[in-house]
Protein backbone atom coordinates (compact mmCIF):
# COMPACT_ATOMS: atom_id res chain seq x y z
CA UNK A 1 0.00 0.00 0.00
CA UNK A 2 1.23 3.47 -0.88
CA UNK A 3 0.46 6.92 0.48
CA UNK A 4 -0.84 9.65 -1.80
CA UNK A 5 2.58 11.31 -1.81
CA UNK A 6 4.27 8.09 -2.89
CA UNK A 7 1.65 7.57 -5.58
CA UNK A 8 2.04 11.12 -6.85
CA UNK A 9 5.78 10.58 -7.23
CA UNK A 10 5.35 7.17 -8.93
CA UNK A 11 2.64 8.33 -11.33
CA UNK A 12 3.90 11.81 -12.11
CA UNK A 13 0.78 13.61 -10.92
CA UNK A 14 0.47 16.05 -8.10
CA UNK A 15 -1.55 15.22 -5.01
CA UNK A 16 -4.24 17.73 -5.94
CA UNK A 17 -4.79 16.02 -9.30
CA UNK A 18 -5.20 12.64 -7.63
CA UNK A 19 -7.77 14.08 -5.22
CA UNK A 20 -9.51 15.82 -8.14
CA UNK A 21 -9.79 12.54 -10.05
CA UNK A 22 -11.20 10.88 -6.95
CA UNK A 23 -13.81 13.67 -6.55
CA UNK A 24 -14.76 13.35 -10.23
CA UNK A 25 -15.38 9.62 -9.82
CA UNK A 26 -12.38 8.56 -11.93
CA UNK A 27 -10.96 6.68 -9.00
CA UNK A 28 -12.95 4.82 -6.41
CA UNK A 29 -12.50 5.98 -2.82
CA UNK A 30 -9.44 4.24 -1.45
CA UNK A 31 -8.72 2.53 1.84
CA UNK A 32 -7.59 4.81 4.65
CA UNK A 33 -5.28 4.02 7.54
CA UNK A 34 -5.76 4.82 11.24
CA UNK A 35 -4.58 8.41 10.61
CA UNK A 36 -7.20 8.73 7.83
CA UNK A 37 -4.50 8.88 5.15
CA UNK A 38 -5.34 7.45 1.75
CA UNK A 39 -3.61 4.18 0.87
CA UNK A 40 -3.34 3.01 -2.73
CA UNK A 41 -2.77 -0.43 -4.24
CA UNK A 42 -0.73 -1.35 -7.29
CA UNK A 43 -3.96 -1.66 -9.29
CA UNK A 44 -4.96 1.89 -8.40
CA UNK A 45 -1.49 3.12 -9.31
CA UNK A 46 -1.69 1.34 -12.68
CA UNK A 47 -5.10 2.91 -13.32
CA UNK A 48 -3.73 6.38 -12.49
CA UNK A 49 -0.83 5.83 -14.90
CA UNK A 50 -3.31 4.95 -17.65
CA UNK A 51 -5.58 7.83 -16.67
CA UNK A 52 -2.63 10.19 -17.00
CA UNK A 53 -1.88 8.71 -20.43
CA UNK A 54 -5.46 9.31 -21.54
CA UNK A 55 -5.35 12.93 -20.34
CA UNK A 56 -2.03 13.50 -22.10
CA UNK A 57 -3.58 12.26 -25.35
CA UNK A 58 -6.26 14.91 -24.95
CA UNK A 59 -9.13 12.82 -23.64
CA UNK A 60 -11.51 14.87 -21.54
CA UNK A 61 -12.31 14.10 -17.92
CA UNK A 62 -15.88 13.40 -19.01
CA UNK A 63 -14.79 10.84 -21.59
CA UNK A 64 -12.46 9.19 -19.09
CA UNK A 65 -15.36 8.98 -16.62
CA UNK A 66 -17.48 7.32 -19.29
CA UNK A 67 -14.65 4.86 -19.99
CA UNK A 68 -14.09 4.18 -16.28
CA UNK A 69 -17.79 3.50 -15.75
CA UNK A 70 -17.70 1.02 -18.63
CA UNK A 71 -14.66 -0.72 -17.10
CA UNK A 72 -16.51 -1.07 -13.81
CA UNK A 73 -19.56 -2.43 -15.65
CA UNK A 74 -17.56 -5.43 -16.86
CA UNK A 75 -16.69 -7.22 -20.05
CA UNK A 76 -20.06 -6.57 -21.67
CA UNK A 77 -18.75 -3.07 -22.44
CA UNK A 78 -15.59 -4.25 -24.21
CA UNK A 79 -16.81 -3.30 -27.73
CA UNK A 80 -17.60 0.26 -26.59
CA UNK A 81 -14.27 0.55 -24.75
CA UNK A 82 -12.38 -0.73 -27.76
CA UNK A 83 -14.10 1.89 -29.93
CA UNK A 84 -13.35 4.68 -27.46
CA UNK A 85 -9.66 3.75 -27.24
CA UNK A 86 -9.40 3.30 -31.02
CA UNK A 87 -10.91 6.75 -31.54
CA UNK A 88 -8.46 8.25 -29.04
CA UNK A 89 -5.57 6.47 -30.74
CA UNK A 90 -6.62 7.89 -34.10
CA UNK A 91 -6.93 11.40 -32.66
CA UNK A 92 -3.41 11.04 -31.27
CA UNK A 93 -2.07 9.81 -34.63
CA UNK A 94 -3.74 12.77 -36.37
CA UNK A 95 -2.14 15.12 -33.84
CA UNK A 96 1.27 13.52 -34.44
CA UNK A 97 0.85 14.09 -38.19
CA UNK A 98 0.02 17.76 -37.57
CA UNK A 99 3.04 18.14 -35.30
CA UNK A 100 5.29 16.54 -37.91
CA UNK A 101 4.03 19.00 -40.54
CA UNK A 102 4.70 21.88 -38.15
CA UNK A 103 8.20 20.55 -37.55
CA UNK A 104 8.86 20.52 -41.30
CA UNK A 105 7.82 24.19 -41.52
CA UNK A 106 10.16 25.12 -38.69
CA UNK A 107 13.03 23.19 -40.28
CA UNK A 108 12.48 24.99 -43.61
CA UNK A 109 12.46 28.34 -41.87
CA UNK A 110 15.73 27.52 -40.08
CA UNK A 111 17.31 26.42 -43.37
CA UNK A 112 16.45 29.80 -44.88
CA UNK A 113 17.88 31.64 -41.89
CA UNK A 114 21.07 29.57 -42.04
CA UNK A 115 21.43 30.66 -45.68
CA UNK A 116 21.18 34.27 -44.53
CA UNK A 117 17.69 34.94 -45.80
CA UNK A 118 15.69 37.40 -43.76
CA UNK A 119 12.21 35.89 -44.11
C-alpha atoms as a PDB file:
ATOM      1  CA  UNK A   1       0.000   0.000   0.000  1.00  0.00           C
ATOM      2  CA  UNK A   2       1.232   3.466  -0.879  1.00  0.00           C
ATOM      3  CA  UNK A   3       0.459   6.920   0.477  1.00  0.00           C
ATOM      4  CA  UNK A   4      -0.840   9.645  -1.803  1.00  0.00           C
ATOM      5  CA  UNK A   5       2.585  11.306  -1.807  1.00  0.00           C
ATOM      6  CA  UNK A   6       4.274   8.094  -2.892  1.00  0.00           C
ATOM      7  CA  UNK A   7       1.648   7.570  -5.580  1.00  0.00           C
ATOM      8  CA  UNK A   8       2.040  11.124  -6.852  1.00  0.00           C
ATOM      9  CA  UNK A   9       5.782  10.580  -7.229  1.00  0.00           C
ATOM     10  CA  UNK A  10       5.346   7.174  -8.932  1.00  0.00           C
ATOM     11  CA  UNK A  11       2.645   8.327 -11.330  1.00  0.00           C
ATOM     12  CA  UNK A  12       3.902  11.812 -12.109  1.00  0.00           C
ATOM     13  CA  UNK A  13       0.783  13.606 -10.925  1.00  0.00           C
ATOM     14  CA  UNK A  14       0.466  16.052  -8.096  1.00  0.00           C
ATOM     15  CA  UNK A  15      -1.549  15.222  -5.007  1.00  0.00           C
ATOM     16  CA  UNK A  16      -4.243  17.728  -5.940  1.00  0.00           C
ATOM     17  CA  UNK A  17      -4.786  16.023  -9.296  1.00  0.00           C
ATOM     18  CA  UNK A  18      -5.203  12.640  -7.633  1.00  0.00           C
ATOM     19  CA  UNK A  19      -7.765  14.076  -5.217  1.00  0.00           C
ATOM     20  CA  UNK A  20      -9.509  15.823  -8.142  1.00  0.00           C
ATOM     21  CA  UNK A  21      -9.786  12.537 -10.049  1.00  0.00           C
ATOM     22  CA  UNK A  22     -11.201  10.884  -6.953  1.00  0.00           C
ATOM     23  CA  UNK A  23     -13.807  13.668  -6.547  1.00  0.00           C
ATOM     24  CA  UNK A  24     -14.761  13.346 -10.232  1.00  0.00           C
ATOM     25  CA  UNK A  25     -15.378   9.620  -9.822  1.00  0.00           C
ATOM     26  CA  UNK A  26     -12.384   8.565 -11.928  1.00  0.00           C
ATOM     27  CA  UNK A  27     -10.958   6.678  -8.997  1.00  0.00           C
ATOM     28  CA  UNK A  28     -12.955   4.823  -6.410  1.00  0.00           C
ATOM     29  CA  UNK A  29     -12.498   5.976  -2.821  1.00  0.00           C
ATOM     30  CA  UNK A  30      -9.441   4.238  -1.452  1.00  0.00           C
ATOM     31  CA  UNK A  31      -8.722   2.531   1.843  1.00  0.00           C
ATOM     32  CA  UNK A  32      -7.595   4.807   4.646  1.00  0.00           C
ATOM     33  CA  UNK A  33      -5.285   4.023   7.539  1.00  0.00           C
ATOM     34  CA  UNK A  34      -5.755   4.818  11.244  1.00  0.00           C
ATOM     35  CA  UNK A  35      -4.585   8.412  10.612  1.00  0.00           C
ATOM     36  CA  UNK A  36      -7.205   8.733   7.834  1.00  0.00           C
ATOM     37  CA  UNK A  37      -4.497   8.884   5.149  1.00  0.00           C
ATOM     38  CA  UNK A  38      -5.336   7.454   1.745  1.00  0.00           C
ATOM     39  CA  UNK A  39      -3.614   4.184   0.867  1.00  0.00           C
ATOM     40  CA  UNK A  40      -3.338   3.015  -2.732  1.00  0.00           C
ATOM     41  CA  UNK A  41      -2.771  -0.428  -4.238  1.00  0.00           C
ATOM     42  CA  UNK A  42      -0.726  -1.347  -7.289  1.00  0.00           C
ATOM     43  CA  UNK A  43      -3.963  -1.661  -9.290  1.00  0.00           C
ATOM     44  CA  UNK A  44      -4.956   1.889  -8.402  1.00  0.00           C
ATOM     45  CA  UNK A  45      -1.487   3.121  -9.312  1.00  0.00           C
ATOM     46  CA  UNK A  46      -1.692   1.341 -12.679  1.00  0.00           C
ATOM     47  CA  UNK A  47      -5.097   2.906 -13.321  1.00  0.00           C
ATOM     48  CA  UNK A  48      -3.727   6.378 -12.486  1.00  0.00           C
ATOM     49  CA  UNK A  49      -0.834   5.829 -14.899  1.00  0.00           C
ATOM     50  CA  UNK A  50      -3.312   4.949 -17.653  1.00  0.00           C
ATOM     51  CA  UNK A  51      -5.584   7.827 -16.670  1.00  0.00           C
ATOM     52  CA  UNK A  52      -2.627  10.195 -17.000  1.00  0.00           C
ATOM     53  CA  UNK A  53      -1.876   8.713 -20.429  1.00  0.00           C
ATOM     54  CA  UNK A  54      -5.458   9.307 -21.540  1.00  0.00           C
ATOM     55  CA  UNK A  55      -5.347  12.925 -20.338  1.00  0.00           C
ATOM     56  CA  UNK A  56      -2.033  13.498 -22.101  1.00  0.00           C
ATOM     57  CA  UNK A  57      -3.577  12.261 -25.353  1.00  0.00           C
ATOM     58  CA  UNK A  58      -6.255  14.915 -24.951  1.00  0.00           C
ATOM     59  CA  UNK A  59      -9.130  12.815 -23.645  1.00  0.00           C
ATOM     60  CA  UNK A  60     -11.513  14.865 -21.541  1.00  0.00           C
ATOM     61  CA  UNK A  61     -12.308  14.100 -17.924  1.00  0.00           C
ATOM     62  CA  UNK A  62     -15.882  13.402 -19.007  1.00  0.00           C
ATOM     63  CA  UNK A  63     -14.789  10.843 -21.594  1.00  0.00           C
ATOM     64  CA  UNK A  64     -12.459   9.186 -19.087  1.00  0.00           C
ATOM     65  CA  UNK A  65     -15.359   8.981 -16.621  1.00  0.00           C
ATOM     66  CA  UNK A  66     -17.475   7.325 -19.293  1.00  0.00           C
ATOM     67  CA  UNK A  67     -14.650   4.862 -19.992  1.00  0.00           C
ATOM     68  CA  UNK A  68     -14.090   4.177 -16.282  1.00  0.00           C
ATOM     69  CA  UNK A  69     -17.788   3.498 -15.753  1.00  0.00           C
ATOM     70  CA  UNK A  70     -17.697   1.023 -18.628  1.00  0.00           C
ATOM     71  CA  UNK A  71     -14.659  -0.722 -17.101  1.00  0.00           C
ATOM     72  CA  UNK A  72     -16.510  -1.075 -13.806  1.00  0.00           C
ATOM     73  CA  UNK A  73     -19.559  -2.432 -15.650  1.00  0.00           C
ATOM     74  CA  UNK A  74     -17.557  -5.428 -16.857  1.00  0.00           C
ATOM     75  CA  UNK A  75     -16.689  -7.218 -20.051  1.00  0.00           C
ATOM     76  CA  UNK A  76     -20.061  -6.571 -21.665  1.00  0.00           C
ATOM     77  CA  UNK A  77     -18.750  -3.070 -22.441  1.00  0.00           C
ATOM     78  CA  UNK A  78     -15.593  -4.252 -24.214  1.00  0.00           C
ATOM     79  CA  UNK A  79     -16.809  -3.301 -27.731  1.00  0.00           C
ATOM     80  CA  UNK A  80     -17.597   0.262 -26.593  1.00  0.00           C
ATOM     81  CA  UNK A  81     -14.273   0.545 -24.750  1.00  0.00           C
ATOM     82  CA  UNK A  82     -12.376  -0.726 -27.765  1.00  0.00           C
ATOM     83  CA  UNK A  83     -14.097   1.891 -29.934  1.00  0.00           C
ATOM     84  CA  UNK A  84     -13.351   4.675 -27.457  1.00  0.00           C
ATOM     85  CA  UNK A  85      -9.657   3.750 -27.237  1.00  0.00           C
ATOM     86  CA  UNK A  86      -9.402   3.298 -31.021  1.00  0.00           C
ATOM     87  CA  UNK A  87     -10.908   6.752 -31.537  1.00  0.00           C
ATOM     88  CA  UNK A  88      -8.463   8.251 -29.044  1.00  0.00           C
ATOM     89  CA  UNK A  89      -5.574   6.467 -30.739  1.00  0.00           C
ATOM     90  CA  UNK A  90      -6.625   7.893 -34.101  1.00  0.00           C
ATOM     91  CA  UNK A  91      -6.930  11.396 -32.658  1.00  0.00           C
ATOM     92  CA  UNK A  92      -3.406  11.036 -31.268  1.00  0.00           C
ATOM     93  CA  UNK A  93      -2.068   9.814 -34.628  1.00  0.00           C
ATOM     94  CA  UNK A  94      -3.743  12.767 -36.366  1.00  0.00           C
ATOM     95  CA  UNK A  95      -2.142  15.121 -33.839  1.00  0.00           C
ATOM     96  CA  UNK A  96       1.267  13.522 -34.436  1.00  0.00           C
ATOM     97  CA  UNK A  97       0.852  14.088 -38.186  1.00  0.00           C
ATOM     98  CA  UNK A  98       0.019  17.756 -37.571  1.00  0.00           C
ATOM     99  CA  UNK A  99       3.037  18.136 -35.296  1.00  0.00           C
ATOM    100  CA  UNK A 100       5.290  16.536 -37.913  1.00  0.00           C
ATOM    101  CA  UNK A 101       4.032  19.001 -40.542  1.00  0.00           C
ATOM    102  CA  UNK A 102       4.696  21.884 -38.146  1.00  0.00           C
ATOM    103  CA  UNK A 103       8.205  20.553 -37.553  1.00  0.00           C
ATOM    104  CA  UNK A 104       8.859  20.523 -41.297  1.00  0.00           C
ATOM    105  CA  UNK A 105       7.815  24.185 -41.521  1.00  0.00           C
ATOM    106  CA  UNK A 106      10.156  25.116 -38.686  1.00  0.00           C
ATOM    107  CA  UNK A 107      13.029  23.191 -40.275  1.00  0.00           C
ATOM    108  CA  UNK A 108      12.480  24.994 -43.607  1.00  0.00           C
ATOM    109  CA  UNK A 109      12.465  28.337 -41.867  1.00  0.00           C
ATOM    110  CA  UNK A 110      15.727  27.519 -40.084  1.00  0.00           C
ATOM    111  CA  UNK A 111      17.313  26.423 -43.370  1.00  0.00           C
ATOM    112  CA  UNK A 112      16.445  29.804 -44.876  1.00  0.00           C
ATOM    113  CA  UNK A 113      17.876  31.643 -41.895  1.00  0.00           C
ATOM    114  CA  UNK A 114      21.068  29.570 -42.037  1.00  0.00           C
ATOM    115  CA  UNK A 115      21.433  30.659 -45.678  1.00  0.00           C
ATOM    116  CA  UNK A 116      21.184  34.265 -44.535  1.00  0.00           C
ATOM    117  CA  UNK A 117      17.686  34.939 -45.801  1.00  0.00           C
ATOM    118  CA  UNK A 118      15.687  37.397 -43.760  1.00  0.00           C
ATOM    119  CA  UNK A 119      12.207  35.887 -44.108  1.00  0.00           C
END
